[in-house]
Amino acid sequence: MSHWKQKLLTNWHVMRVMRLGIGIMMIGMGIQSRDLAIGLFSIFFLYQAVTDTGCCGAGACNTPMPRKPQGATDEVAEYEEIK
């Protein structure tokens, strides 16, 4: 299976279906009102649905886990309560 065909046919989730629905609805609105701006904006939503990307791209909103500094250990610090 080619890469694009596999990407198009797999991994459908709620947000991807919503983007597809919004894109199709906006294309209909753009044609009905003869508004080019709505038509172009609908292409944006359809592109996101087809390529399974969001506004931030492919996982660009995720932040990486912080790395441990070199020489750091998982030792538990001991504390003494002072009254």
Protein backbone atom coordinates (compact mmCIF):
# COMPACT_ATOMS: atom_id res chain seq x y z
CA MET A 1 0.00 0.00 0.00
CA SER A 2 1.40 3.39 -0.91
CA HIS A 3 2.25 5.91 1.79
CA TRP A 4 -0.51 8.39 0.87
CA LYS A 5 -3.14 5.69 0.50
CA GLN A 6 -2.22 4.24 3.91
CA LYS A 7 -2.23 7.70 5.52
CA LEU A 8 -5.65 8.49 4.00
CA LEU A 9 -7.34 5.23 4.94
CA THR A 10 -6.01 4.67 8.48
CA ASN A 11 -5.98 6.41 11.86
CA TRP A 12 -9.36 8.20 11.64
CA HIS A 13 -10.36 9.82 14.93
CA VAL A 14 -13.02 12.30 16.04
CA MET A 15 -11.06 15.47 15.24
CA ARG A 16 -10.12 14.23 11.80
CA VAL A 17 -13.76 13.43 10.99
CA MET A 18 -14.82 16.85 12.34
CA ARG A 19 -12.27 18.62 10.12
CA LEU A 20 -13.56 16.69 7.11
CA GLY A 21 -17.16 17.58 7.95
CA ILE A 22 -16.33 21.26 8.51
CA GLY A 23 -14.40 21.37 5.23
CA ILE A 24 -17.23 19.82 3.24
CA MET A 25 -19.81 22.07 4.89
CA MET A 26 -17.73 25.18 4.21
CA ILE A 27 -17.22 24.22 0.56
CA GLY A 28 -21.00 24.01 0.22
CA MET A 29 -21.41 27.39 1.92
CA GLY A 30 -18.74 28.94 -0.29
CA ILE A 31 -20.36 27.67 -3.47
CA GLN A 32 -23.83 28.70 -2.33
CA SER A 33 -22.77 32.24 -1.35
CA ARG A 34 -20.13 32.51 -4.10
CA ASP A 35 -17.56 33.55 -1.52
CA LEU A 36 -13.94 32.79 -2.41
CA ALA A 37 -12.65 33.36 1.15
CA ILE A 38 -14.89 30.65 2.61
CA GLY A 39 -13.88 28.32 -0.23
CA LEU A 40 -10.18 28.86 0.44
CA PHE A 41 -10.67 28.43 4.18
CA SER A 42 -12.49 25.15 3.54
CA ILE A 43 -9.47 23.87 1.62
CA PHE A 44 -7.45 24.40 4.80
CA PHE A 45 -9.78 22.11 6.78
CA LEU A 46 -9.87 19.50 4.01
CA TYR A 47 -6.06 19.50 3.84
CA GLN A 48 -5.89 18.90 7.60
CA ALA A 49 -8.37 16.03 7.35
CA VAL A 50 -6.63 14.33 4.43
CA THR A 51 -3.10 14.64 5.80
CA ASP A 52 -4.09 14.11 9.48
CA THR A 53 -2.36 17.27 10.65
CA GLY A 54 -3.53 19.98 12.98
CA CYS A 55 -2.78 23.65 13.24
CA CYS A 56 0.57 22.83 14.81
CA GLY A 57 1.62 20.28 12.21
CA ALA A 58 2.49 16.69 12.99
CA GLY A 59 2.83 16.73 16.77
CA ALA A 60 4.59 20.06 16.96
CA CYS A 61 2.53 21.08 20.01
CA ASN A 62 4.00 18.31 22.11
CA THR A 63 6.78 19.34 24.45
CA PRO A 64 9.66 16.92 24.98
CA MET A 65 10.28 15.40 28.38
CA PRO A 66 13.10 17.15 30.25
CA ARG A 67 16.39 15.30 30.18
CA LYS A 68 18.39 14.53 33.28
CA PRO A 69 21.65 16.43 33.58
CA GLN A 70 24.76 14.31 33.19
CA GLY A 71 25.73 12.66 36.44
CA ALA A 72 22.25 13.04 37.95
CA THR A 73 20.94 10.09 39.89
CA ASP A 74 17.54 9.05 41.15
CA GLU A 75 18.54 9.35 44.80
CA VAL A 76 15.86 10.36 47.23
CA ALA A 77 16.76 13.45 49.23
CA GLU A 78 16.46 13.20 52.99
CA TYR A 79 14.96 16.11 54.85
CA GLU A 80 14.93 16.87 58.55
CA GLU A 81 12.01 18.83 59.95
CA ILE A 82 13.06 21.82 62.06
CA LYS A 83 10.58 23.10 64.63
